Amino acid sequence: MMSVKRLIVTAAAIAGSLAFAAAPASADEQKWQTVSTNEWWSCSPYKSHRVSDNVNYKWCIVRNAGGYAQGVLVVQNKASVKVSIEGEILTNIPGGNEDCAPTTLGPGATRGCFGPTSYVGKGNILWVDVRLKLNNVDEWYEIQRG
């Protein structure tokens, strides 16, 4: 039969390992998320990166009925290999600029780096430029402004 002291030590060890396993991902890892668009998303067409015709990216602006918006860099990997990506979002959304931390994107995956959500009101003209660094090669996708 297990002693009380040994039982307490074992229970503490299990609780500690569970707490560690359930720890949230870092803020940088949380910026890259699965993308699911709907009527609130306005996006550019995909553009292939100069490094590979199999890796595409685009910018999006997500708005909601409450007058909030955020910029998103969306990356699609149609290649049969993993690729290294990182990026940047530049926008006129207040506080909406974002650095997108380095990560690996698997074959067939699509992920978005989400900038901060900020209040912009309704009817404002918003723009987003994005930079994708694919396997250490930078490229910008900029919109044309009047």
N, C-alpha and C. Protein backbone atom coordinates (compact mmCIF):
# COMPACT_ATOMS: atom_id res chain seq x y z
N MET A 1 0.85 -1.18 0.00
CA MET A 1 0.00 0.00 0.00
C MET A 1 0.90 1.24 0.00
N MET A 2 0.50 2.24 -0.73
CA MET A 2 1.27 3.46 -0.89
C MET A 2 1.15 4.32 0.37
N SER A 3 2.26 4.87 0.80
CA SER A 3 2.22 5.76 1.96
C SER A 3 1.57 7.08 1.57
N VAL A 4 1.06 7.81 2.55
CA VAL A 4 0.41 9.10 2.30
C VAL A 4 1.39 10.08 1.67
N LYS A 5 2.62 10.10 2.19
CA LYS A 5 3.63 11.02 1.66
C LYS A 5 3.91 10.72 0.19
N ARG A 6 4.05 9.45 -0.13
CA ARG A 6 4.34 9.05 -1.51
C ARG A 6 3.15 9.38 -2.41
N LEU A 7 1.93 9.19 -1.92
CA LEU A 7 0.73 9.51 -2.66
C LEU A 7 0.67 11.00 -2.97
N ILE A 8 1.00 11.84 -2.00
CA ILE A 8 0.99 13.30 -2.20
C ILE A 8 2.04 13.70 -3.23
N VAL A 9 3.24 13.15 -3.14
CA VAL A 9 4.31 13.46 -4.09
C VAL A 9 3.90 13.04 -5.49
N THR A 10 3.32 11.85 -5.63
CA THR A 10 2.88 11.36 -6.94
C THR A 10 1.79 12.27 -7.50
N ALA A 11 0.81 12.63 -6.68
CA ALA A 11 -0.27 13.50 -7.13
C ALA A 11 0.26 14.87 -7.54
N ALA A 12 1.21 15.41 -6.81
CA ALA A 12 1.81 16.71 -7.15
C ALA A 12 2.55 16.62 -8.47
N ALA A 13 3.26 15.54 -8.70
CA ALA A 13 3.99 15.37 -9.95
C ALA A 13 3.04 15.30 -11.14
N ILE A 14 1.94 14.55 -10.98
CA ILE A 14 0.96 14.45 -12.06
C ILE A 14 0.31 15.81 -12.32
N ALA A 15 -0.08 16.50 -11.28
CA ALA A 15 -0.70 17.82 -11.43
C ALA A 15 0.25 18.79 -12.11
N GLY A 16 1.52 18.76 -11.73
CA GLY A 16 2.51 19.64 -12.34
C GLY A 16 2.69 19.36 -13.82
N SER A 17 2.73 18.09 -14.20
CA SER A 17 2.91 17.75 -15.60
C SER A 17 1.68 18.12 -16.41
N LEU A 18 0.48 17.97 -15.83
CA LEU A 18 -0.73 18.38 -16.53
C LEU A 18 -0.79 19.89 -16.71
N ALA A 19 -0.39 20.62 -15.70
CA ALA A 19 -0.40 22.08 -15.80
C ALA A 19 0.57 22.54 -16.87
N PHE A 20 1.73 21.89 -16.96
CA PHE A 20 2.71 22.26 -17.97
C PHE A 20 2.19 21.93 -19.36
N ALA A 21 1.57 20.77 -19.52
CA ALA A 21 1.07 20.35 -20.83
C ALA A 21 -0.08 21.25 -21.29
N ALA A 22 -0.83 21.80 -20.37
CA ALA A 22 -1.98 22.63 -20.73
C ALA A 22 -1.63 24.11 -20.85
N ALA A 23 -0.36 24.45 -20.70
CA ALA A 23 0.04 25.85 -20.79
C ALA A 23 -0.28 26.40 -22.17
N PRO A 24 -0.75 27.63 -22.26
CA PRO A 24 -1.08 28.18 -23.56
C PRO A 24 0.17 28.39 -24.41
N ALA A 25 -0.05 28.40 -25.73
CA ALA A 25 1.06 28.68 -26.65
C ALA A 25 1.50 30.13 -26.47
N SER A 26 2.70 30.42 -26.93
CA SER A 26 3.18 31.79 -26.82
C SER A 26 2.32 32.69 -27.70
N ALA A 27 2.38 33.98 -27.45
CA ALA A 27 1.60 34.94 -28.22
C ALA A 27 1.98 34.88 -29.70
N ASP A 28 3.26 34.68 -30.00
CA ASP A 28 3.69 34.59 -31.39
C ASP A 28 3.07 33.40 -32.09
N GLU A 29 3.01 32.25 -31.41
CA GLU A 29 2.42 31.07 -32.02
C GLU A 29 0.92 31.25 -32.22
N GLN A 30 0.26 31.99 -31.35
CA GLN A 30 -1.18 32.17 -31.45
C GLN A 30 -1.56 33.10 -32.60
N LYS A 31 -0.64 33.92 -33.10
CA LYS A 31 -0.95 34.81 -34.22
C LYS A 31 -1.23 34.02 -35.49
N TRP A 32 -0.54 32.90 -35.70
CA TRP A 32 -0.78 32.04 -36.86
C TRP A 32 -1.91 31.08 -36.52
N GLN A 33 -3.04 31.21 -37.22
CA GLN A 33 -4.22 30.41 -36.90
C GLN A 33 -4.84 29.87 -38.18
N THR A 34 -5.71 28.90 -38.01
CA THR A 34 -6.50 28.39 -39.13
C THR A 34 -7.39 29.52 -39.64
N VAL A 35 -7.59 29.55 -40.94
CA VAL A 35 -8.37 30.62 -41.56
C VAL A 35 -9.73 30.06 -42.01
N SER A 36 -10.78 30.76 -41.64
CA SER A 36 -12.12 30.41 -42.07
C SER A 36 -12.84 31.71 -42.43
N THR A 37 -12.92 32.00 -43.72
CA THR A 37 -13.48 33.28 -44.16
C THR A 37 -15.01 33.22 -44.19
N ASN A 38 -15.60 34.41 -44.12
CA ASN A 38 -17.05 34.56 -44.26
C ASN A 38 -17.34 35.94 -44.84
N GLU A 39 -18.57 36.39 -44.75
CA GLU A 39 -18.97 37.66 -45.38
C GLU A 39 -18.29 38.88 -44.76
N TRP A 40 -17.66 38.74 -43.61
CA TRP A 40 -16.99 39.86 -42.95
C TRP A 40 -15.56 40.05 -43.46
N TRP A 41 -15.08 39.14 -44.28
CA TRP A 41 -13.71 39.19 -44.80
C TRP A 41 -13.69 39.83 -46.18
N SER A 42 -12.75 40.75 -46.40
CA SER A 42 -12.46 41.31 -47.72
C SER A 42 -11.00 40.99 -48.01
N CYS A 43 -10.73 40.25 -49.08
CA CYS A 43 -9.37 39.79 -49.35
C CYS A 43 -8.94 40.09 -50.78
N SER A 44 -7.65 40.24 -50.95
CA SER A 44 -7.06 40.35 -52.28
C SER A 44 -7.05 38.95 -52.91
N PRO A 45 -6.80 38.88 -54.21
CA PRO A 45 -6.56 37.55 -54.80
C PRO A 45 -5.24 36.99 -54.27
N TYR A 46 -5.09 35.67 -54.30
CA TYR A 46 -3.80 35.08 -53.94
C TYR A 46 -2.74 35.49 -54.94
N LYS A 47 -1.53 35.64 -54.44
CA LYS A 47 -0.36 35.94 -55.26
C LYS A 47 0.69 34.89 -54.93
N SER A 48 1.34 34.31 -55.96
CA SER A 48 2.39 33.33 -55.66
C SER A 48 3.66 34.08 -55.28
N HIS A 49 4.42 33.50 -54.38
CA HIS A 49 5.68 34.07 -53.93
C HIS A 49 6.75 33.77 -54.96
N ARG A 50 7.71 34.67 -55.14
CA ARG A 50 8.74 34.47 -56.16
C ARG A 50 9.62 33.26 -55.90
N VAL A 51 9.64 32.75 -54.68
CA VAL A 51 10.43 31.56 -54.37
C VAL A 51 9.76 30.30 -54.90
N SER A 52 8.41 30.26 -54.90
CA SER A 52 7.70 29.05 -55.30
C SER A 52 6.31 29.39 -55.81
N ASP A 53 5.95 28.84 -56.95
CA ASP A 53 4.59 28.99 -57.46
C ASP A 53 3.58 28.22 -56.62
N ASN A 54 4.08 27.36 -55.72
CA ASN A 54 3.21 26.54 -54.89
C ASN A 54 2.91 27.15 -53.53
N VAL A 55 3.45 28.33 -53.25
CA VAL A 55 3.15 29.03 -52.00
C VAL A 55 2.53 30.37 -52.37
N ASN A 56 1.29 30.54 -51.94
CA ASN A 56 0.52 31.74 -52.25
C ASN A 56 0.21 32.51 -50.98
N TYR A 57 0.01 33.81 -51.16
CA TYR A 57 -0.36 34.63 -50.01
C TYR A 57 -1.25 35.78 -50.44
N LYS A 58 -1.97 36.33 -49.48
CA LYS A 58 -2.86 37.45 -49.75
C LYS A 58 -3.07 38.23 -48.47
N TRP A 59 -3.61 39.43 -48.61
CA TRP A 59 -3.99 40.23 -47.44
C TRP A 59 -5.51 40.21 -47.32
N CYS A 60 -5.96 40.33 -46.10
CA CYS A 60 -7.40 40.41 -45.84
C CYS A 60 -7.66 41.46 -44.76
N ILE A 61 -8.84 42.02 -44.82
CA ILE A 61 -9.35 42.89 -43.76
C ILE A 61 -10.63 42.24 -43.25
N VAL A 62 -10.67 42.02 -41.95
CA VAL A 62 -11.85 41.43 -41.32
C VAL A 62 -12.53 42.53 -40.51
N ARG A 63 -13.81 42.76 -40.81
CA ARG A 63 -14.61 43.76 -40.08
C ARG A 63 -15.75 43.05 -39.36
N ASN A 64 -16.30 43.71 -38.36
CA ASN A 64 -17.52 43.18 -37.74
C ASN A 64 -18.55 44.29 -37.64
N ALA A 65 -19.76 43.93 -37.27
CA ALA A 65 -20.88 44.88 -37.22
C ALA A 65 -20.68 45.97 -36.18
N GLY A 66 -19.81 45.74 -35.21
CA GLY A 66 -19.56 46.71 -34.16
C GLY A 66 -18.56 47.79 -34.52
N GLY A 67 -18.03 47.76 -35.75
CA GLY A 67 -17.08 48.78 -36.18
C GLY A 67 -15.62 48.44 -35.89
N TYR A 68 -15.33 47.19 -35.58
CA TYR A 68 -13.95 46.76 -35.32
C TYR A 68 -13.38 46.07 -36.56
N ALA A 69 -12.05 46.13 -36.72
CA ALA A 69 -11.41 45.51 -37.88
C ALA A 69 -10.00 45.05 -37.51
N GLN A 70 -9.48 44.14 -38.35
CA GLN A 70 -8.11 43.68 -38.20
C GLN A 70 -7.58 43.25 -39.56
N GLY A 71 -6.26 43.35 -39.72
CA GLY A 71 -5.61 42.87 -40.93
C GLY A 71 -5.13 41.45 -40.72
N VAL A 72 -5.08 40.69 -41.83
CA VAL A 72 -4.63 39.30 -41.77
C VAL A 72 -3.73 39.01 -42.98
N LEU A 73 -2.61 38.36 -42.73
CA LEU A 73 -1.75 37.80 -43.77
C LEU A 73 -2.11 36.32 -43.88
N VAL A 74 -2.60 35.90 -45.04
CA VAL A 74 -2.99 34.50 -45.25
C VAL A 74 -1.97 33.84 -46.18
N VAL A 75 -1.48 32.68 -45.77
CA VAL A 75 -0.48 31.94 -46.55
C VAL A 75 -1.00 30.54 -46.81
N GLN A 76 -0.87 30.11 -48.06
CA GLN A 76 -1.35 28.81 -48.52
C GLN A 76 -0.17 28.03 -49.09
N ASN A 77 0.07 26.83 -48.58
CA ASN A 77 1.17 25.99 -49.06
C ASN A 77 0.61 24.84 -49.89
N LYS A 78 0.74 24.94 -51.21
CA LYS A 78 0.30 23.88 -52.10
C LYS A 78 1.45 22.95 -52.48
N ALA A 79 2.63 23.20 -51.91
CA ALA A 79 3.80 22.36 -52.18
C ALA A 79 3.69 21.04 -51.43
N SER A 80 4.55 20.10 -51.77
CA SER A 80 4.54 18.80 -51.12
C SER A 80 5.54 18.73 -49.96
N VAL A 81 6.12 19.87 -49.61
CA VAL A 81 7.10 19.93 -48.53
C VAL A 81 6.74 21.06 -47.56
N LYS A 82 7.28 20.97 -46.34
CA LYS A 82 7.13 22.05 -45.37
C LYS A 82 7.92 23.27 -45.84
N VAL A 83 7.42 24.45 -45.49
CA VAL A 83 8.14 25.69 -45.80
C VAL A 83 8.25 26.53 -44.53
N SER A 84 9.27 27.37 -44.48
CA SER A 84 9.46 28.30 -43.37
C SER A 84 8.88 29.64 -43.77
N ILE A 85 8.01 30.18 -42.91
CA ILE A 85 7.39 31.46 -43.20
C ILE A 85 7.48 32.39 -42.00
N GLU A 86 7.44 33.66 -42.29
CA GLU A 86 7.22 34.72 -41.30
C GLU A 86 6.72 35.91 -42.10
N GLY A 87 6.30 36.96 -41.43
CA GLY A 87 5.76 38.06 -42.20
C GLY A 87 5.50 39.30 -41.38
N GLU A 88 4.74 40.19 -42.01
CA GLU A 88 4.45 41.48 -41.39
C GLU A 88 3.15 42.01 -41.98
N ILE A 89 2.39 42.70 -41.16
CA ILE A 89 1.17 43.37 -41.59
C ILE A 89 1.35 44.86 -41.33
N LEU A 90 1.16 45.67 -42.36
CA LEU A 90 1.15 47.13 -42.23
C LEU A 90 -0.23 47.60 -42.66
N THR A 91 -0.84 48.46 -41.85
CA THR A 91 -2.20 48.89 -42.11
C THR A 91 -2.48 50.26 -41.53
N ASN A 92 -3.55 50.89 -42.00
CA ASN A 92 -3.98 52.15 -41.39
C ASN A 92 -4.98 51.91 -40.27
N ILE A 93 -5.24 50.65 -39.93
CA ILE A 93 -6.07 50.34 -38.76
C ILE A 93 -5.27 50.73 -37.52
N PRO A 94 -5.81 51.58 -36.65
CA PRO A 94 -5.05 52.04 -35.48
C PRO A 94 -4.51 50.87 -34.64
N GLY A 95 -3.20 50.86 -34.43
CA GLY A 95 -2.57 49.80 -33.64
C GLY A 95 -2.58 48.45 -34.33
N GLY A 96 -2.84 48.42 -35.63
CA GLY A 96 -3.04 47.16 -36.34
C GLY A 96 -1.81 46.54 -36.99
N ASN A 97 -0.66 47.23 -36.93
CA ASN A 97 0.55 46.64 -37.51
C ASN A 97 0.97 45.43 -36.68
N GLU A 98 1.54 44.43 -37.35
CA GLU A 98 1.89 43.20 -36.65
C GLU A 98 3.08 42.52 -37.29
N ASP A 99 3.98 42.01 -36.46
CA ASP A 99 5.05 41.12 -36.92
C ASP A 99 4.54 39.70 -36.76
N CYS A 100 4.70 38.90 -37.80
CA CYS A 100 4.25 37.52 -37.78
C CYS A 100 5.46 36.62 -37.59
N ALA A 101 5.53 35.98 -36.46
CA ALA A 101 6.70 35.21 -36.04
C ALA A 101 7.01 34.06 -37.00
N PRO A 102 8.28 33.66 -37.05
CA PRO A 102 8.66 32.52 -37.88
C PRO A 102 7.92 31.26 -37.44
N THR A 103 7.49 30.49 -38.43
CA THR A 103 6.83 29.21 -38.16
C THR A 103 7.02 28.31 -39.37
N THR A 104 6.61 27.07 -39.24
CA THR A 104 6.67 26.12 -40.34
C THR A 104 5.25 25.86 -40.81
N LEU A 105 5.06 25.87 -42.13
CA LEU A 105 3.75 25.61 -42.71
C LEU A 105 3.83 24.30 -43.49
N GLY A 106 3.04 23.33 -43.08
CA GLY A 106 3.06 22.00 -43.68
C GLY A 106 2.43 21.97 -45.06
N PRO A 107 2.69 20.88 -45.80
CA PRO A 107 2.10 20.71 -47.13
C PRO A 107 0.57 20.75 -47.07
N GLY A 108 -0.06 21.50 -47.96
CA GLY A 108 -1.51 21.57 -48.02
C GLY A 108 -2.16 22.47 -46.99
N ALA A 109 -1.37 23.09 -46.14
CA ALA A 109 -1.93 23.91 -45.06
C ALA A 109 -2.15 25.36 -45.49
N THR A 110 -3.13 25.99 -44.86
CA THR A 110 -3.37 27.42 -45.01
C THR A 110 -3.49 28.00 -43.61
N ARG A 111 -2.74 29.06 -43.34
CA ARG A 111 -2.77 29.71 -42.02
C ARG A 111 -2.80 31.22 -42.22
N GLY A 112 -3.32 31.90 -41.21
CA GLY A 112 -3.36 33.35 -41.23
C GLY A 112 -2.67 33.91 -40.01
N CYS A 113 -1.92 34.98 -40.21
CA CYS A 113 -1.36 35.75 -39.11
C CYS A 113 -2.31 36.92 -38.89
N PHE A 114 -2.92 36.96 -37.71
CA PHE A 114 -3.95 37.94 -37.41
C PHE A 114 -3.37 39.12 -36.64
N GLY A 115 -3.58 40.32 -37.18
CA GLY A 115 -3.18 41.53 -36.46
C GLY A 115 -4.17 41.83 -35.36
N PRO A 116 -3.85 42.81 -34.52
CA PRO A 116 -4.76 43.20 -33.44
C PRO A 116 -6.09 43.74 -33.98
N THR A 117 -7.14 43.53 -33.23
CA THR A 117 -8.45 44.07 -33.57
C THR A 117 -8.58 45.45 -32.94
N SER A 118 -9.00 46.43 -33.75
CA SER A 118 -9.14 47.80 -33.26
C SER A 118 -10.45 48.40 -33.76
N TYR A 119 -10.93 49.37 -32.99
CA TYR A 119 -12.14 50.08 -33.40
C TYR A 119 -11.80 51.05 -34.53
N VAL A 120 -12.55 50.97 -35.64
CA VAL A 120 -12.34 51.85 -36.78
C VAL A 120 -13.61 52.60 -37.18
N GLY A 121 -14.72 52.27 -36.55
CA GLY A 121 -15.99 52.88 -36.93
C GLY A 121 -16.53 52.22 -38.20
N LYS A 122 -17.55 52.81 -38.75
CA LYS A 122 -18.16 52.24 -39.96
C LYS A 122 -17.93 53.18 -41.14
N GLY A 123 -17.73 52.59 -42.31
CA GLY A 123 -17.59 53.39 -43.52
C GLY A 123 -16.20 53.93 -43.78
N ASN A 124 -15.23 53.65 -42.94
CA ASN A 124 -13.87 54.12 -43.17
C ASN A 124 -13.18 53.29 -44.24
N ILE A 125 -12.31 53.93 -45.01
CA ILE A 125 -11.52 53.23 -46.01
C ILE A 125 -10.27 52.68 -45.32
N LEU A 126 -10.12 51.37 -45.37
CA LEU A 126 -8.99 50.71 -44.72
C LEU A 126 -8.09 50.08 -45.77
N TRP A 127 -6.81 49.98 -45.46
CA TRP A 127 -5.87 49.28 -46.35
C TRP A 127 -4.93 48.42 -45.52
N VAL A 128 -4.42 47.40 -46.16
CA VAL A 128 -3.47 46.49 -45.53
C VAL A 128 -2.42 46.12 -46.57
N ASP A 129 -1.15 46.19 -46.20
CA ASP A 129 -0.05 45.65 -46.99
C ASP A 129 0.54 44.51 -46.17
N VAL A 130 1.00 43.47 -46.84
CA VAL A 130 1.59 42.35 -46.12
C VAL A 130 2.94 41.98 -46.74
N ARG A 131 3.80 41.44 -45.89
CA ARG A 131 5.11 40.93 -46.33
C ARG A 131 5.18 39.47 -45.92
N LEU A 132 5.57 38.63 -46.87
CA LEU A 132 5.80 37.22 -46.58
C LEU A 132 7.27 36.90 -46.81
N LYS A 133 7.90 36.38 -45.78
CA LYS A 133 9.27 35.89 -45.89
C LYS A 133 9.18 34.38 -46.00
N LEU A 134 9.46 33.86 -47.18
CA LEU A 134 9.37 32.44 -47.47
C LEU A 134 10.77 31.88 -47.64
N ASN A 135 11.15 30.94 -46.77
CA ASN A 135 12.50 30.35 -46.82
C ASN A 135 13.58 31.44 -46.94
N ASN A 136 13.43 32.48 -46.11
CA ASN A 136 14.38 33.59 -45.98
C ASN A 136 14.40 34.57 -47.15
N VAL A 137 13.38 34.57 -48.00
CA VAL A 137 13.27 35.54 -49.10
C VAL A 137 12.01 36.38 -48.88
N ASP A 138 12.20 37.71 -48.75
CA ASP A 138 11.10 38.64 -48.51
C ASP A 138 10.40 39.05 -49.79
N GLU A 139 9.08 39.27 -49.68
CA GLU A 139 8.31 39.83 -50.78
C GLU A 139 7.09 40.54 -50.21
N TRP A 140 6.78 41.73 -50.72
CA TRP A 140 5.63 42.51 -50.27
C TRP A 140 4.46 42.33 -51.23
N TYR A 141 3.26 42.40 -50.68
CA TYR A 141 2.03 42.45 -51.46
C TYR A 141 1.34 43.74 -51.02
N GLU A 142 1.43 44.75 -51.87
CA GLU A 142 0.89 46.06 -51.51
C GLU A 142 -0.31 46.38 -52.39
N ILE A 143 -1.27 47.07 -51.80
CA ILE A 143 -2.41 47.54 -52.61
C ILE A 143 -2.03 48.88 -53.21
N GLN A 144 -2.65 49.19 -54.31
CA GLN A 144 -2.42 50.49 -54.95
C GLN A 144 -3.36 51.50 -54.31
N ARG A 145 -2.79 52.62 -53.88
CA ARG A 145 -3.60 53.68 -53.28
C ARG A 145 -3.60 54.88 -54.19
N GLY A 146 -4.78 55.52 -54.31
CA GLY A 146 -5.02 56.67 -55.17
C GLY A 146 -3.96 57.66 -55.18
